[in-house]
Amino acid sequence: MYNLILTTNILRILREKKITKAELAEKAGISISFITELTNDKANPSLRVIEAIAKALDTPLPLLFDNSDMSAAERAILADGSVGHLAKGFVWKGAVLSEFQAFQVTQWDRENREIIRKLK
């Protein structure tokens, strides 16, 4: 499952940033054949390789494993790495939660996204 999330996010980011697999391979110092196998879900990358891919994509490593409903604009804010782009007093955190906690956080997230949207 994590490989599918990783692969999906890599392909999405490549598309969003208009980067080819060949360009990614060159920037990350990885062979194009490995990138192709990875994006075809036929390779298991090491953490070192995933870090190189994240760096080459100029994307925080945790976002390669993100399985959220964030919009492209929200991901762009996080991918920028600058918390200053979020409204003052807001931060982004990933966490492991109980189902009840996740429900509460989802409610808070919706409310805060609406506040941030209105501030823009």
PDB file of N, CA and C in Angstrom:
ATOM      1  N   MET A   1       0.820  -1.197   0.000  1.00  0.00           N
ATOM      2  CA  MET A   1       0.000   0.000   0.000  1.00  0.00           C
ATOM      3  C   MET A   1       0.862   1.258   0.000  1.00  0.00           C
ATOM      4  N   TYR A   2       1.931   1.268   0.804  1.00  0.00           N
ATOM      5  CA  TYR A   2       2.777   2.465   0.862  1.00  0.00           C
ATOM      6  C   TYR A   2       3.478   2.716  -0.462  1.00  0.00           C
ATOM      7  N   ASN A   3       3.853   1.638  -1.169  1.00  0.00           N
ATOM      8  CA  ASN A   3       4.466   1.832  -2.483  1.00  0.00           C
ATOM      9  C   ASN A   3       3.496   2.496  -3.443  1.00  0.00           C
ATOM     10  N   LEU A   4       2.223   2.104  -3.378  1.00  0.00           N
ATOM     11  CA  LEU A   4       1.227   2.709  -4.251  1.00  0.00           C
ATOM     12  C   LEU A   4       1.061   4.195  -3.932  1.00  0.00           C
ATOM     13  N   ILE A   5       1.021   4.537  -2.659  1.00  0.00           N
ATOM     14  CA  ILE A   5       0.923   5.948  -2.262  1.00  0.00           C
ATOM     15  C   ILE A   5       2.155   6.708  -2.736  1.00  0.00           C
ATOM     16  N   LEU A   6       3.340   6.133  -2.498  1.00  0.00           N
ATOM     17  CA  LEU A   6       4.592   6.762  -2.922  1.00  0.00           C
ATOM     18  C   LEU A   6       4.600   6.979  -4.432  1.00  0.00           C
ATOM     19  N   THR A   7       4.300   5.929  -5.164  1.00  0.00           N
ATOM     20  CA  THR A   7       4.309   6.004  -6.628  1.00  0.00           C
ATOM     21  C   THR A   7       3.305   7.035  -7.133  1.00  0.00           C
ATOM     22  N   THR A   8       2.111   7.016  -6.582  1.00  0.00           N
ATOM     23  CA  THR A   8       1.071   7.966  -6.992  1.00  0.00           C
ATOM     24  C   THR A   8       1.530   9.398  -6.745  1.00  0.00           C
ATOM     25  N   ASN A   9       2.121   9.648  -5.583  1.00  0.00           N
ATOM     26  CA  ASN A   9       2.576  11.001  -5.268  1.00  0.00           C
ATOM     27  C   ASN A   9       3.742  11.432  -6.149  1.00  0.00           C
ATOM     28  N   ILE A  10       4.665  10.522  -6.432  1.00  0.00           N
ATOM     29  CA  ILE A  10       5.786  10.868  -7.318  1.00  0.00           C
ATOM     30  C   ILE A  10       5.250  11.243  -8.693  1.00  0.00           C
ATOM     31  N   LEU A  11       4.374  10.418  -9.236  1.00  0.00           N
ATOM     32  CA  LEU A  11       3.814  10.704 -10.560  1.00  0.00           C
ATOM     33  C   LEU A  11       3.025  12.008 -10.567  1.00  0.00           C
ATOM     34  N   ARG A  12       2.257  12.263  -9.503  1.00  0.00           N
ATOM     35  CA  ARG A  12       1.476  13.504  -9.410  1.00  0.00           C
ATOM     36  C   ARG A  12       2.404  14.715  -9.379  1.00  0.00           C
ATOM     37  N   ILE A  13       3.460  14.635  -8.572  1.00  0.00           N
ATOM     38  CA  ILE A  13       4.390  15.759  -8.443  1.00  0.00           C
ATOM     39  C   ILE A  13       5.148  15.984  -9.750  1.00  0.00           C
ATOM     40  N   LEU A  14       5.546  14.895 -10.401  1.00  0.00           N
ATOM     41  CA  LEU A  14       6.200  15.038 -11.713  1.00  0.00           C
ATOM     42  C   LEU A  14       5.288  15.799 -12.673  1.00  0.00           C
ATOM     43  N   ARG A  15       4.012  15.406 -12.695  1.00  0.00           N
ATOM     44  CA  ARG A  15       3.046  16.053 -13.582  1.00  0.00           C
ATOM     45  C   ARG A  15       2.857  17.522 -13.200  1.00  0.00           C
ATOM     46  N   GLU A  16       2.695  17.787 -11.901  1.00  0.00           N
ATOM     47  CA  GLU A  16       2.466  19.164 -11.447  1.00  0.00           C
ATOM     48  C   GLU A  16       3.658  20.067 -11.751  1.00  0.00           C
ATOM     49  N   LYS A  17       4.865  19.523 -11.593  1.00  0.00           N
ATOM     50  CA  LYS A  17       6.072  20.334 -11.795  1.00  0.00           C
ATOM     51  C   LYS A  17       6.603  20.242 -13.215  1.00  0.00           C
ATOM     52  N   LYS A  18       5.900  19.464 -14.048  1.00  0.00           N
ATOM     53  CA  LYS A  18       6.294  19.291 -15.453  1.00  0.00           C
ATOM     54  C   LYS A  18       7.735  18.809 -15.569  1.00  0.00           C
ATOM     55  N   ILE A  19       8.041  17.772 -14.776  1.00  0.00           N
ATOM     56  CA  ILE A  19       9.360  17.153 -14.781  1.00  0.00           C
ATOM     57  C   ILE A  19       9.203  15.755 -15.369  1.00  0.00           C
ATOM     58  N   THR A  20      10.125  15.366 -16.239  1.00  0.00           N
ATOM     59  CA  THR A  20      10.067  14.025 -16.807  1.00  0.00           C
ATOM     60  C   THR A  20      10.739  13.031 -15.860  1.00  0.00           C
ATOM     61  N   LYS A  21      10.469  11.754 -16.088  1.00  0.00           N
ATOM     62  CA  LYS A  21      11.124  10.715 -15.297  1.00  0.00           C
ATOM     63  C   LYS A  21      12.629  10.770 -15.510  1.00  0.00           C
ATOM     64  N   ALA A  22      13.046  11.069 -16.720  1.00  0.00           N
ATOM     65  CA  ALA A  22      14.484  11.161 -17.023  1.00  0.00           C
ATOM     66  C   ALA A  22      15.122  12.304 -16.237  1.00  0.00           C
ATOM     67  N   GLU A  23      14.429  13.445 -16.167  1.00  0.00           N
ATOM     68  CA  GLU A  23      14.962  14.585 -15.403  1.00  0.00           C
ATOM     69  C   GLU A  23      15.028  14.242 -13.921  1.00  0.00           C
ATOM     70  N   LEU A  24      13.998  13.562 -13.418  1.00  0.00           N
ATOM     71  CA  LEU A  24      14.003  13.144 -12.018  1.00  0.00           C
ATOM     72  C   LEU A  24      15.176  12.212 -11.756  1.00  0.00           C
ATOM     73  N   ALA A  25      15.364  11.236 -12.618  1.00  0.00           N
ATOM     74  CA  ALA A  25      16.459  10.280 -12.458  1.00  0.00           C
ATOM     75  C   ALA A  25      17.799  10.999 -12.400  1.00  0.00           C
ATOM     76  N   GLU A  26      18.002  11.943 -13.294  1.00  0.00           N
ATOM     77  CA  GLU A  26      19.270  12.686 -13.325  1.00  0.00           C
ATOM     78  C   GLU A  26      19.462  13.516 -12.051  1.00  0.00           C
ATOM     79  N   LYS A  27      18.432  14.246 -11.656  1.00  0.00           N
ATOM     80  CA  LYS A  27      18.522  15.088 -10.455  1.00  0.00           C
ATOM     81  C   LYS A  27      18.746  14.260  -9.189  1.00  0.00           C
ATOM     82  N   ALA A  28      18.111  13.084  -9.128  1.00  0.00           N
ATOM     83  CA  ALA A  28      18.191  12.244  -7.934  1.00  0.00           C
ATOM     84  C   ALA A  28      19.419  11.335  -7.944  1.00  0.00           C
ATOM     85  N   GLY A  29      20.108  11.249  -9.080  1.00  0.00           N
ATOM     86  CA  GLY A  29      21.271  10.368  -9.174  1.00  0.00           C
ATOM     87  C   GLY A  29      20.874   8.899  -9.195  1.00  0.00           C
ATOM     88  N   ILE A  30      19.744   8.618  -9.818  1.00  0.00           N
ATOM     89  CA  ILE A  30      19.191   7.264  -9.888  1.00  0.00           C
ATOM     90  C   ILE A  30      19.015   6.929 -11.365  1.00  0.00           C
ATOM     91  N   SER A  31      19.129   5.670 -11.700  1.00  0.00           N
ATOM     92  CA  SER A  31      18.964   5.283 -13.105  1.00  0.00           C
ATOM     93  C   SER A  31      17.514   5.459 -13.537  1.00  0.00           C
ATOM     94  N   ILE A  32      17.341   5.794 -14.814  1.00  0.00           N
ATOM     95  CA  ILE A  32      15.999   5.943 -15.365  1.00  0.00           C
ATOM     96  C   ILE A  32      15.257   4.611 -15.298  1.00  0.00           C
ATOM     97  N   SER A  33      15.981   3.500 -15.447  1.00  0.00           N
ATOM     98  CA  SER A  33      15.307   2.198 -15.387  1.00  0.00           C
ATOM     99  C   SER A  33      14.725   1.959 -13.992  1.00  0.00           C
ATOM    100  N   PHE A  34      15.433   2.405 -12.938  1.00  0.00           N
ATOM    101  CA  PHE A  34      14.898   2.237 -11.590  1.00  0.00           C
ATOM    102  C   PHE A  34      13.667   3.113 -11.387  1.00  0.00           C
ATOM    103  N   ILE A  35      13.727   4.358 -11.863  1.00  0.00           N
ATOM    104  CA  ILE A  35      12.563   5.257 -11.744  1.00  0.00           C
ATOM    105  C   ILE A  35      11.367   4.644 -12.472  1.00  0.00           C
ATOM    106  N   THR A  36      11.606   4.087 -13.648  1.00  0.00           N
ATOM    107  CA  THR A  36      10.527   3.453 -14.408  1.00  0.00           C
ATOM    108  C   THR A  36       9.957   2.262 -13.654  1.00  0.00           C
ATOM    109  N   GLU A  37      10.822   1.423 -13.117  1.00  0.00           N
ATOM    110  CA  GLU A  37      10.349   0.275 -12.331  1.00  0.00           C
ATOM    111  C   GLU A  37       9.576   0.748 -11.102  1.00  0.00           C
ATOM    112  N   LEU A  38      10.083   1.777 -10.439  1.00  0.00           N
ATOM    113  CA  LEU A  38       9.418   2.306  -9.251  1.00  0.00           C
ATOM    114  C   LEU A  38       8.026   2.820  -9.595  1.00  0.00           C
ATOM    115  N   THR A  39       7.923   3.604 -10.656  1.00  0.00           N
ATOM    116  CA  THR A  39       6.626   4.182 -11.009  1.00  0.00           C
ATOM    117  C   THR A  39       5.681   3.151 -11.617  1.00  0.00           C
ATOM    118  N   ASN A  40       6.197   1.985 -11.954  1.00  0.00           N
ATOM    119  CA  ASN A  40       5.359   0.868 -12.408  1.00  0.00           C
ATOM    120  C   ASN A  40       5.124  -0.126 -11.274  1.00  0.00           C
ATOM    121  N   ASP A  41       5.456   0.277 -10.053  1.00  0.00           N
ATOM    122  CA  ASP A  41       5.272  -0.531  -8.851  1.00  0.00           C
ATOM    123  C   ASP A  41       5.992  -1.884  -8.929  1.00  0.00           C
ATOM    124  N   LYS A  42       7.228  -1.840  -9.469  1.00  0.00           N
ATOM    125  CA  LYS A  42       8.027  -3.059  -9.592  1.00  0.00           C
ATOM    126  C   LYS A  42       9.358  -2.933  -8.868  1.00  0.00           C
ATOM    127  N   ALA A  43       9.501  -1.916  -8.019  1.00  0.00           N
ATOM    128  CA  ALA A  43      10.745  -1.712  -7.287  1.00  0.00           C
ATOM    129  C   ALA A  43      10.428  -1.257  -5.871  1.00  0.00           C
ATOM    130  N   ASN A  44      11.289  -1.635  -4.948  1.00  0.00           N
ATOM    131  CA  ASN A  44      11.169  -1.196  -3.554  1.00  0.00           C
ATOM    132  C   ASN A  44      12.363  -0.301  -3.235  1.00  0.00           C
ATOM    133  N   PRO A  45      12.152   0.996  -3.181  1.00  0.00           N
ATOM    134  CA  PRO A  45      13.266   1.903  -2.943  1.00  0.00           C
ATOM    135  C   PRO A  45      13.685   1.934  -1.478  1.00  0.00           C
ATOM    136  N   SER A  46      14.949   2.166  -1.272  1.00  0.00           N
ATOM    137  CA  SER A  46      15.456   2.359   0.090  1.00  0.00           C
ATOM    138  C   SER A  46      15.097   3.766   0.543  1.00  0.00           C
ATOM    139  N   LEU A  47      15.223   4.015   1.837  1.00  0.00           N
ATOM    140  CA  LEU A  47      14.957   5.356   2.362  1.00  0.00           C
ATOM    141  C   LEU A  47      15.911   6.365   1.723  1.00  0.00           C
ATOM    142  N   ARG A  48      17.150   5.974   1.499  1.00  0.00           N
ATOM    143  CA  ARG A  48      18.130   6.875   0.859  1.00  0.00           C
ATOM    144  C   ARG A  48      17.651   7.285  -0.539  1.00  0.00           C
ATOM    145  N   VAL A  49      17.097   6.338  -1.287  1.00  0.00           N
ATOM    146  CA  VAL A  49      16.586   6.636  -2.626  1.00  0.00           C
ATOM    147  C   VAL A  49      15.366   7.546  -2.537  1.00  0.00           C
ATOM    148  N   ILE A  50      14.481   7.262  -1.600  1.00  0.00           N
ATOM    149  CA  ILE A  50      13.285   8.100  -1.433  1.00  0.00           C
ATOM    150  C   ILE A  50      13.695   9.520  -1.047  1.00  0.00           C
ATOM    151  N   GLU A  51      14.688   9.644  -0.181  1.00  0.00           N
ATOM    152  CA  GLU A  51      15.183  10.980   0.195  1.00  0.00           C
ATOM    153  C   GLU A  51      15.750  11.701  -1.021  1.00  0.00           C
ATOM    154  N   ALA A  52      16.476  10.988  -1.870  1.00  0.00           N
ATOM    155  CA  ALA A  52      17.047  11.602  -3.074  1.00  0.00           C
ATOM    156  C   ALA A  52      15.932  12.053  -4.022  1.00  0.00           C
ATOM    157  N   ILE A  53      14.894  11.261  -4.125  1.00  0.00           N
ATOM    158  CA  ILE A  53      13.765  11.631  -4.974  1.00  0.00           C
ATOM    159  C   ILE A  53      13.059  12.862  -4.407  1.00  0.00           C
ATOM    160  N   ALA A  54      12.822  12.881  -3.102  1.00  0.00           N
ATOM    161  CA  ALA A  54      12.167  14.041  -2.471  1.00  0.00           C
ATOM    162  C   ALA A  54      12.982  15.300  -2.704  1.00  0.00           C
ATOM    163  N   LYS A  55      14.288  15.193  -2.535  1.00  0.00           N
ATOM    164  CA  LYS A  55      15.166  16.357  -2.747  1.00  0.00           C
ATOM    165  C   LYS A  55      15.122  16.793  -4.206  1.00  0.00           C
ATOM    166  N   ALA A  56      15.179  15.833  -5.123  1.00  0.00           N
ATOM    167  CA  ALA A  56      15.139  16.164  -6.547  1.00  0.00           C
ATOM    168  C   ALA A  56      13.812  16.809  -6.940  1.00  0.00           C
ATOM    169  N   LEU A  57      12.743  16.407  -6.282  1.00  0.00           N
ATOM    170  CA  LEU A  57      11.427  16.988  -6.554  1.00  0.00           C
ATOM    171  C   LEU A  57      11.183  18.269  -5.758  1.00  0.00           C
ATOM    172  N   ASP A  58      12.136  18.618  -4.892  1.00  0.00           N
ATOM    173  CA  ASP A  58      12.011  19.794  -4.028  1.00  0.00           C
ATOM    174  C   ASP A  58      10.711  19.698  -3.227  1.00  0.00           C
ATOM    175  N   THR A  59      10.524  18.508  -2.624  1.00  0.00           N
ATOM    176  CA  THR A  59       9.309  18.187  -1.886  1.00  0.00           C
ATOM    177  C   THR A  59       9.681  17.567  -0.542  1.00  0.00           C
ATOM    178  N   PRO A  60       9.076  17.975   0.553  1.00  0.00           N
ATOM    179  CA  PRO A  60       9.363  17.326   1.837  1.00  0.00           C
ATOM    180  C   PRO A  60       9.055  15.833   1.759  1.00  0.00           C
ATOM    181  N   LEU A  61       9.953  15.021   2.264  1.00  0.00           N
ATOM    182  CA  LEU A  61       9.809  13.575   2.206  1.00  0.00           C
ATOM    183  C   LEU A  61       8.455  13.079   2.703  1.00  0.00           C
ATOM    184  N   PRO A  62       7.926  13.573   3.829  1.00  0.00           N
ATOM    185  CA  PRO A  62       6.624  13.068   4.290  1.00  0.00           C
ATOM    186  C   PRO A  62       5.498  13.245   3.276  1.00  0.00           C
ATOM    187  N   LEU A  63       5.597  14.260   2.421  1.00  0.00           N
ATOM    188  CA  LEU A  63       4.534  14.470   1.434  1.00  0.00           C
ATOM    189  C   LEU A  63       4.525  13.384   0.366  1.00  0.00           C
ATOM    190  N   LEU A  64       5.641  12.658   0.211  1.00  0.00           N
ATOM    191  CA  LEU A  64       5.647  11.545  -0.740  1.00  0.00           C
ATOM    192  C   LEU A  64       4.788  10.393  -0.242  1.00  0.00           C
ATOM    193  N   PHE A  65       4.506  10.368   1.063  1.00  0.00           N
ATOM    194  CA  PHE A  65       3.676   9.321   1.645  1.00  0.00           C
ATOM    195  C   PHE A  65       2.313   9.847   2.082  1.00  0.00           C
ATOM    196  N   ASP A  66       2.008  11.065   1.686  1.00  0.00           N
ATOM    197  CA  ASP A  66       0.754  11.688   2.096  1.00  0.00           C
ATOM    198  C   ASP A  66      -0.417  11.068   1.349  1.00  0.00           C
ATOM    199  N   ASN A  67      -1.405  10.654   2.081  1.00  0.00           N
ATOM    200  CA  ASN A  67      -2.606  10.054   1.510  1.00  0.00           C
ATOM    201  C   ASN A  67      -3.808  10.871   1.956  1.00  0.00           C
ATOM    202  N   SER A  68      -3.723  12.168   1.775  1.00  0.00           N
ATOM    203  CA  SER A  68      -4.774  13.045   2.288  1.00  0.00           C
ATOM    204  C   SER A  68      -5.615  13.619   1.157  1.00  0.00           C
ATOM    205  N   ASP A  69      -6.558  14.418   1.550  1.00  0.00           N
ATOM    206  CA  ASP A  69      -7.448  15.056   0.585  1.00  0.00           C
ATOM    207  C   ASP A  69      -7.026  16.497   0.300  1.00  0.00           C
ATOM    208  N   MET A  70      -5.752  16.808   0.534  1.00  0.00           N
ATOM    209  CA  MET A  70      -5.293  18.174   0.312  1.00  0.00           C
ATOM    210  C   MET A  70      -5.404  18.560  -1.159  1.00  0.00           C
ATOM    211  N   SER A  71      -5.761  19.792  -1.380  1.00  0.00           N
ATOM    212  CA  SER A  71      -5.813  20.301  -2.749  1.00  0.00           C
ATOM    213  C   SER A  71      -4.388  20.568  -3.239  1.00  0.00           C
ATOM    214  N   ALA A  72      -4.252  20.763  -4.527  1.00  0.00           N
ATOM    215  CA  ALA A  72      -2.941  21.063  -5.105  1.00  0.00           C
ATOM    216  C   ALA A  72      -2.381  22.356  -4.505  1.00  0.00           C
ATOM    217  N   ALA A  73      -3.246  23.336  -4.288  1.00  0.00           N
ATOM    218  CA  ALA A  73      -2.789  24.611  -3.716  1.00  0.00           C
ATOM    219  C   ALA A  73      -2.279  24.426  -2.286  1.00  0.00           C
ATOM    220  N   GLU A  74      -2.985  23.595  -1.509  1.00  0.00           N
ATOM    221  CA  GLU A  74      -2.555  23.338  -0.130  1.00  0.00           C
ATOM    222  C   GLU A  74      -1.237  22.567  -0.116  1.00  0.00           C
ATOM    223  N   ARG A  75      -1.099  21.581  -1.024  1.00  0.00           N
ATOM    224  CA  ARG A  75       0.163  20.837  -1.100  1.00  0.00           C
ATOM    225  C   ARG A  75       1.308  21.748  -1.509  1.00  0.00           C
ATOM    226  N   ALA A  76       1.015  22.708  -2.400  1.00  0.00           N
ATOM    227  CA  ALA A  76       2.055  23.630  -2.854  1.00  0.00           C
ATOM    228  C   ALA A  76       2.578  24.462  -1.695  1.00  0.00           C
ATOM    229  N   ILE A  77       1.692  24.875  -0.797  1.00  0.00           N
ATOM    230  CA  ILE A  77       2.112  25.638   0.380  1.00  0.00           C
ATOM    231  C   ILE A  77       3.072  24.804   1.217  1.00  0.00           C
ATOM    232  N   LEU A  78       2.718  23.532   1.451  1.00  0.00           N
ATOM    233  CA  LEU A  78       3.563  22.664   2.260  1.00  0.00           C
ATOM    234  C   LEU A  78       4.847  22.302   1.535  1.00  0.00           C
ATOM    235  N   ALA A  79       4.767  22.076   0.239  1.00  0.00           N
ATOM    236  CA  ALA A  79       5.947  21.695  -0.532  1.00  0.00           C
ATOM    237  C   ALA A  79       6.960  22.821  -0.567  1.00  0.00           C
ATOM    238  N   ASP A  80       6.469  24.064  -0.439  1.00  0.00           N
ATOM    239  CA  ASP A  80       7.361  25.214  -0.419  1.00  0.00           C
ATOM    240  C   ASP A  80       8.265  25.158   0.802  1.00  0.00           C
ATOM    241  N   GLY A  81       7.837  24.462   1.833  1.00  0.00           N
ATOM    242  CA  GLY A  81       8.640  24.321   3.040  1.00  0.00           C
ATOM    243  C   GLY A  81       8.623  25.543   3.929  1.00  0.00           C
ATOM    244  N   SER A  82       7.870  26.532   3.553  1.00  0.00           N
ATOM    245  CA  SER A  82       7.825  27.767   4.320  1.00  0.00           C
ATOM    246  C   SER A  82       6.519  27.853   5.093  1.00  0.00           C
ATOM    247  N   VAL A  83       6.588  27.629   6.378  1.00  0.00           N
ATOM    248  CA  VAL A  83       5.392  27.705   7.205  1.00  0.00           C
ATOM    249  C   VAL A  83       4.792  29.105   7.147  1.00  0.00           C
ATOM    250  N   GLY A  84       5.604  30.095   6.814  1.00  0.00           N
ATOM    251  CA  GLY A  84       5.130  31.462   6.728  1.00  0.00           C
ATOM    252  C   GLY A  84       4.007  31.662   5.726  1.00  0.00           C
ATOM    253  N   HIS A  85       3.829  30.707   4.805  1.00  0.00           N
ATOM    254  CA  HIS A  85       2.746  30.820   3.839  1.00  0.00           C
ATOM    255  C   HIS A  85       1.388  30.483   4.450  1.00  0.00           C
ATOM    256  N   LEU A  86       1.395  29.797   5.575  1.00  0.00           N
ATOM    257  CA  LEU A  86       0.132  29.545   6.266  1.00  0.00           C
ATOM    258  C   LEU A  86      -0.202  30.796   7.066  1.00  0.00           C
ATOM    259  N   ALA A  87      -1.468  31.003   7.300  1.00  0.00           N
ATOM    260  CA  ALA A  87      -1.867  32.158   8.092  1.00  0.00           C
ATOM    261  C   ALA A  87      -1.203  32.093   9.465  1.00  0.00           C
ATOM    262  N   LYS A  88      -0.914  33.242  10.023  1.00  0.00           N
ATOM    263  CA  LYS A  88      -0.255  33.294  11.329  1.00  0.00           C
ATOM    264  C   LYS A  88      -1.051  32.502  12.361  1.00  0.00           C
ATOM    265  N   GLY A  89      -0.341  31.699  13.119  1.00  0.00           N
ATOM    266  CA  GLY A  89      -0.980  30.906  14.147  1.00  0.00           C
ATOM    267  C   GLY A  89      -1.381  29.514  13.683  1.00  0.00           C
ATOM    268  N   PHE A  90      -1.149  29.183  12.391  1.00  0.00           N
ATOM    269  CA  PHE A  90      -1.501  27.871  11.863  1.00  0.00           C
ATOM    270  C   PHE A  90      -0.233  27.102  11.509  1.00  0.00           C
ATOM    271  N   VAL A  91      -0.246  25.799  11.765  1.00  0.00           N
ATOM    272  CA  VAL A  91       0.868  24.918  11.409  1.00  0.00           C
ATOM    273  C   VAL A  91       0.290  23.636  10.815  1.00  0.00           C
ATOM    274  N   TRP A  92       1.123  22.908  10.084  1.00  0.00           N
ATOM    275  CA  TRP A  92       0.713  21.607   9.557  1.00  0.00           C
ATOM    276  C   TRP A  92       1.501  20.547  10.290  1.00  0.00           C
ATOM    277  N   LYS A  93       0.803  19.516  10.791  1.00  0.00           N
ATOM    278  CA  LYS A  93       1.457  18.407  11.497  1.00  0.00           C
ATOM    279  C   LYS A  93       0.837  17.111  11.032  1.00  0.00           C
ATOM    280  N   GLY A  94       1.657  16.086  10.908  1.00  0.00           N
ATOM    281  CA  GLY A  94       1.158  14.741  10.647  1.00  0.00           C
ATOM    282  C   GLY A  94       1.173  13.985  11.960  1.00  0.00           C
ATOM    283  N   ALA A  95       0.254  13.052  12.144  1.00  0.00           N
ATOM    284  CA  ALA A  95       0.189  12.346  13.415  1.00  0.00           C
ATOM    285  C   ALA A  95      -0.527  11.014  13.262  1.00  0.00           C
ATOM    286  N   VAL A  96      -0.282  10.132  14.203  1.00  0.00           N
ATOM    287  CA  VAL A  96      -1.033   8.892  14.320  1.00  0.00           C
ATOM    288  C   VAL A  96      -2.077   9.115  15.398  1.00  0.00           C
ATOM    289  N   LEU A  97      -3.353   8.871  15.049  1.00  0.00           N
ATOM    290  CA  LEU A  97      -4.445   9.207  15.950  1.00  0.00           C
ATOM    291  C   LEU A  97      -5.417   8.046  16.092  1.00  0.00           C
ATOM    292  N   SER A  98      -6.140   8.060  17.197  1.00  0.00           N
ATOM    293  CA  SER A  98      -7.255   7.119  17.328  1.00  0.00           C
ATOM    294  C   SER A  98      -8.354   7.579  16.376  1.00  0.00           C
ATOM    295  N   GLU A  99      -9.326   6.725  16.124  1.00  0.00           N
ATOM    296  CA  GLU A  99     -10.420   7.106  15.224  1.00  0.00           C
ATOM    297  C   GLU A  99     -11.167   8.333  15.741  1.00  0.00           C
ATOM    298  N   PHE A 100     -11.391   8.399  17.042  1.00  0.00           N
ATOM    299  CA  PHE A 100     -12.095   9.549  17.607  1.00  0.00           C
ATOM    300  C   PHE A 100     -11.252  10.818  17.455  1.00  0.00           C
ATOM    301  N   GLN A 101      -9.961  10.718  17.754  1.00  0.00           N
ATOM    302  CA  GLN A 101      -9.085  11.872  17.597  1.00  0.00           C
ATOM    303  C   GLN A 101      -9.056  12.323  16.131  1.00  0.00           C
ATOM    304  N   ALA A 102      -8.999  11.358  15.221  1.00  0.00           N
ATOM    305  CA  ALA A 102      -8.978  11.688  13.797  1.00  0.00           C
ATOM    306  C   ALA A 102     -10.259  12.422  13.398  1.00  0.00           C
ATOM    307  N   PHE A 103     -11.392  11.985  13.944  1.00  0.00           N
ATOM    308  CA  PHE A 103     -12.658  12.664  13.676  1.00  0.00           C
ATOM    309  C   PHE A 103     -12.587  14.115  14.135  1.00  0.00           C
ATOM    310  N   GLN A 104     -12.084  14.317  15.368  1.00  0.00           N
ATOM    311  CA  GLN A 104     -11.978  15.676  15.898  1.00  0.00           C
ATOM    312  C   GLN A 104     -11.048  16.523  15.035  1.00  0.00           C
ATOM    313  N   VAL A 105      -9.908  15.972  14.684  1.00  0.00           N
ATOM    314  CA  VAL A 105      -8.932  16.714  13.881  1.00  0.00           C
ATOM    315  C   VAL A 105      -9.520  17.065  12.514  1.00  0.00           C
ATOM    316  N   THR A 106     -10.286  16.154  11.939  1.00  0.00           N
ATOM    317  CA  THR A 106     -10.927  16.423  10.649  1.00  0.00           C
ATOM    318  C   THR A 106     -11.869  17.608  10.761  1.00  0.00           C
ATOM    319  N   GLN A 107     -12.607  17.676  11.847  1.00  0.00           N
ATOM    320  CA  GLN A 107     -13.514  18.806  12.060  1.00  0.00           C
ATOM    321  C   GLN A 107     -12.733  20.113  12.201  1.00  0.00           C
ATOM    322  N   TRP A 108     -11.686  20.079  12.995  1.00  0.00           N
ATOM    323  CA  TRP A 108     -10.856  21.284  13.183  1.00  0.00           C
ATOM    324  C   TRP A 108     -10.200  21.686  11.866  1.00  0.00           C
ATOM    325  N   ASP A 109      -9.752  20.694  11.106  1.00  0.00           N
ATOM    326  CA  ASP A 109      -9.101  20.954   9.829  1.00  0.00           C
ATOM    327  C   ASP A 109     -10.051  21.686   8.884  1.00  0.00           C
ATOM    328  N   ARG A 110     -11.273  21.215   8.790  1.00  0.00           N
ATOM    329  CA  ARG A 110     -12.268  21.874   7.924  1.00  0.00           C
ATOM    330  C   ARG A 110     -12.494  23.322   8.348  1.00  0.00           C
ATOM    331  N   GLU A 111     -12.652  23.522   9.651  1.00  0.00           N
ATOM    332  CA  GLU A 111     -12.876  24.877  10.161  1.00  0.00           C
ATOM    333  C   GLU A 111     -11.683  25.780   9.857  1.00  0.00           C
ATOM    334  N   ASN A 112     -10.483  25.279  10.091  1.00  0.00           N
ATOM    335  CA  ASN A 112      -9.285  26.093   9.880  1.00  0.00           C
ATOM    336  C   ASN A 112      -9.024  26.367   8.409  1.00  0.00           C
ATOM    337  N   ARG A 113      -9.294  25.392   7.546  1.00  0.00           N
ATOM    338  CA  ARG A 113      -9.126  25.630   6.107  1.00  0.00           C
ATOM    339  C   ARG A 113     -10.073  26.733   5.644  1.00  0.00           C
ATOM    340  N   GLU A 114     -11.274  26.749   6.199  1.00  0.00           N
ATOM    341  CA  GLU A 114     -12.232  27.793   5.846  1.00  0.00           C
ATOM    342  C   GLU A 114     -11.722  29.160   6.332  1.00  0.00           C
ATOM    343  N   ILE A 115     -11.175  29.211   7.528  1.00  0.00           N
ATOM    344  CA  ILE A 115     -10.608  30.463   8.049  1.00  0.00           C
ATOM    345  C   ILE A 115      -9.476  30.939   7.147  1.00  0.00           C
ATOM    346  N   ILE A 116      -8.564  30.013   6.799  1.00  0.00           N
ATOM    347  CA  ILE A 116      -7.421  30.379   5.953  1.00  0.00           C
ATOM    348  C   ILE A 116      -7.897  30.828   4.585  1.00  0.00           C
ATOM    349  N   ARG A 117      -8.899  30.131   4.017  1.00  0.00           N
ATOM    350  CA  ARG A 117      -9.428  30.518   2.715  1.00  0.00           C
ATOM    351  C   ARG A 117      -9.982  31.934   2.750  1.00  0.00           C
ATOM    352  N   LYS A 118     -10.665  32.286   3.825  1.00  0.00           N
ATOM    353  CA  LYS A 118     -11.241  33.631   3.957  1.00  0.00           C
ATOM    354  C   LYS A 118     -10.143  34.694   4.151  1.00  0.00           C
ATOM    355  N   LEU A 119      -9.018  34.314   4.744  1.00  0.00           N
ATOM    356  CA  LEU A 119      -7.940  35.272   4.976  1.00  0.00           C
ATOM    357  C   LEU A 119      -7.185  35.609   3.684  1.00  0.00           C
ATOM    358  N   LYS A 120      -7.289  34.744   2.697  1.00  0.00           N
ATOM    359  CA  LYS A 120      -6.542  34.963   1.435  1.00  0.00           C
ATOM    360  C   LYS A 120      -7.190  35.945   0.573  1.00  0.00           C
TER     361      LYS A 120
END
